[in-house]
Amino acid sequence: MTTLVEVLAEHLVNPAFKAEYDRLGPDYALASAIIRYIANHGGDCATLAKQAKLSKRLVERMRGATANPTLKQIKRLARALGVSVAEMLGERQ
């Protein structure tokens, strides 16, 4: 059986695919941070939204990688998650 990592490696040799994959990276890092937080701490998007002082709908859209949040909203979410923006987006400091 082919693994996800193997399939991804095959596709990343295509420059157009790699460019799009790299472009979407922060969106999926943000979504992953929300999913991990909810899985590890319980609760749901509504609870996290309240902690971050954001709308539930926005947090749901960020979790689904379909939102276009402002920097202010990203900072609020990071604060609620207890991490830096860089950590939340998977960047090294």
Protein backbone atom coordinates (compact mmCIF):
# COMPACT_ATOMS: atom_id res chain seq x y z
CA MET A 1 0.00 0.00 0.00
CA THR A 2 1.26 3.47 -0.90
CA THR A 3 1.49 5.90 2.02
CA LEU A 4 0.41 9.53 2.02
CA VAL A 5 4.04 10.60 2.39
CA GLU A 6 4.99 8.60 -0.72
CA VAL A 7 2.13 10.04 -2.77
CA LEU A 8 3.03 13.55 -1.64
CA ALA A 9 6.69 13.03 -2.54
CA GLU A 10 5.66 11.88 -6.03
CA HIS A 11 3.50 14.97 -6.56
CA LEU A 12 5.96 17.48 -5.13
CA VAL A 13 8.29 16.96 -8.10
CA ASN A 14 5.68 18.80 -10.21
CA PRO A 15 6.57 22.53 -9.91
CA ALA A 16 2.94 23.68 -10.22
CA PHE A 17 1.80 21.24 -7.53
CA LYS A 18 4.66 22.24 -5.22
CA ALA A 19 3.92 25.94 -5.64
CA GLU A 20 0.27 25.43 -4.70
CA TYR A 21 1.20 23.11 -1.83
CA ASP A 22 3.61 25.74 -0.46
CA ARG A 23 1.04 28.51 -0.91
CA LEU A 24 -1.57 26.63 1.11
CA GLY A 25 0.83 25.54 3.86
CA PRO A 26 -0.07 28.28 6.38
CA ASP A 27 -3.81 27.65 5.91
CA TYR A 28 -3.40 23.97 6.74
CA ALA A 29 -1.02 24.71 9.63
CA LEU A 30 -3.67 26.99 11.13
CA ALA A 31 -6.37 24.35 10.66
CA SER A 32 -4.13 21.68 12.21
CA ALA A 33 -3.42 23.87 15.25
CA ILE A 34 -7.16 24.29 15.88
CA ILE A 35 -7.87 20.58 15.40
CA ARG A 36 -4.98 19.58 17.72
CA TYR A 37 -6.09 22.04 20.41
CA ILE A 38 -9.69 20.80 20.38
CA ALA A 39 -8.56 17.16 20.38
CA ASN A 40 -6.15 17.70 23.28
CA HIS A 41 -8.27 20.04 25.40
CA GLY A 42 -11.81 19.00 24.60
CA GLY A 43 -14.41 21.57 23.80
CA ASP A 44 -15.29 22.72 20.33
CA CYS A 45 -15.01 25.65 17.94
CA ALA A 46 -17.55 27.65 19.94
CA THR A 47 -15.50 27.35 23.13
CA LEU A 48 -12.27 28.24 21.34
CA ALA A 49 -13.97 31.16 19.58
CA LYS A 50 -15.16 32.54 22.90
CA GLN A 51 -11.65 32.27 24.39
CA ALA A 52 -10.15 34.00 21.34
CA LYS A 53 -12.94 36.62 21.15
CA LEU A 54 -13.71 35.55 17.58
CA SER A 55 -16.92 34.39 15.95
CA LYS A 56 -17.66 30.68 15.99
CA ARG A 57 -18.15 30.79 12.23
CA LEU A 58 -14.67 32.24 11.67
CA VAL A 59 -13.03 29.59 13.86
CA GLU A 60 -14.97 26.89 11.99
CA ARG A 61 -13.80 28.32 8.67
CA MET A 62 -10.19 28.51 9.90
CA ARG A 63 -10.47 24.88 11.04
CA GLY A 64 -11.64 23.99 7.52
CA ALA A 65 -8.85 26.06 5.89
CA THR A 66 -11.42 28.19 4.05
CA ALA A 67 -11.06 31.46 5.99
CA ASN A 68 -8.98 34.50 5.18
CA PRO A 69 -8.33 35.79 8.72
CA THR A 70 -6.68 39.10 9.49
CA LEU A 71 -3.40 39.25 11.39
CA LYS A 72 -5.30 40.54 14.42
CA GLN A 73 -7.60 37.48 14.31
CA ILE A 74 -4.62 35.13 13.93
CA LYS A 75 -2.95 36.76 16.96
CA ARG A 76 -6.12 36.36 19.03
CA LEU A 77 -6.33 32.70 18.10
CA ALA A 78 -2.65 32.09 18.92
CA ARG A 79 -3.13 33.76 22.32
CA ALA A 80 -6.14 31.53 23.04
CA LEU A 81 -4.14 28.45 21.98
CA GLY A 82 -1.26 29.51 24.23
CA VAL A 83 1.31 29.62 21.42
CA SER A 84 3.06 32.21 19.29
CA VAL A 85 1.84 32.94 15.78
CA ALA A 86 5.04 31.38 14.43
CA GLU A 87 4.49 28.19 16.45
CA MET A 88 0.85 28.01 15.37
CA LEU A 89 1.84 28.30 11.72
CA GLY A 90 4.58 25.69 12.12
CA GLU A 91 7.50 28.09 11.68
CA ARG A 92 10.74 27.90 13.58
CA GLN A 93 11.79 30.84 15.68
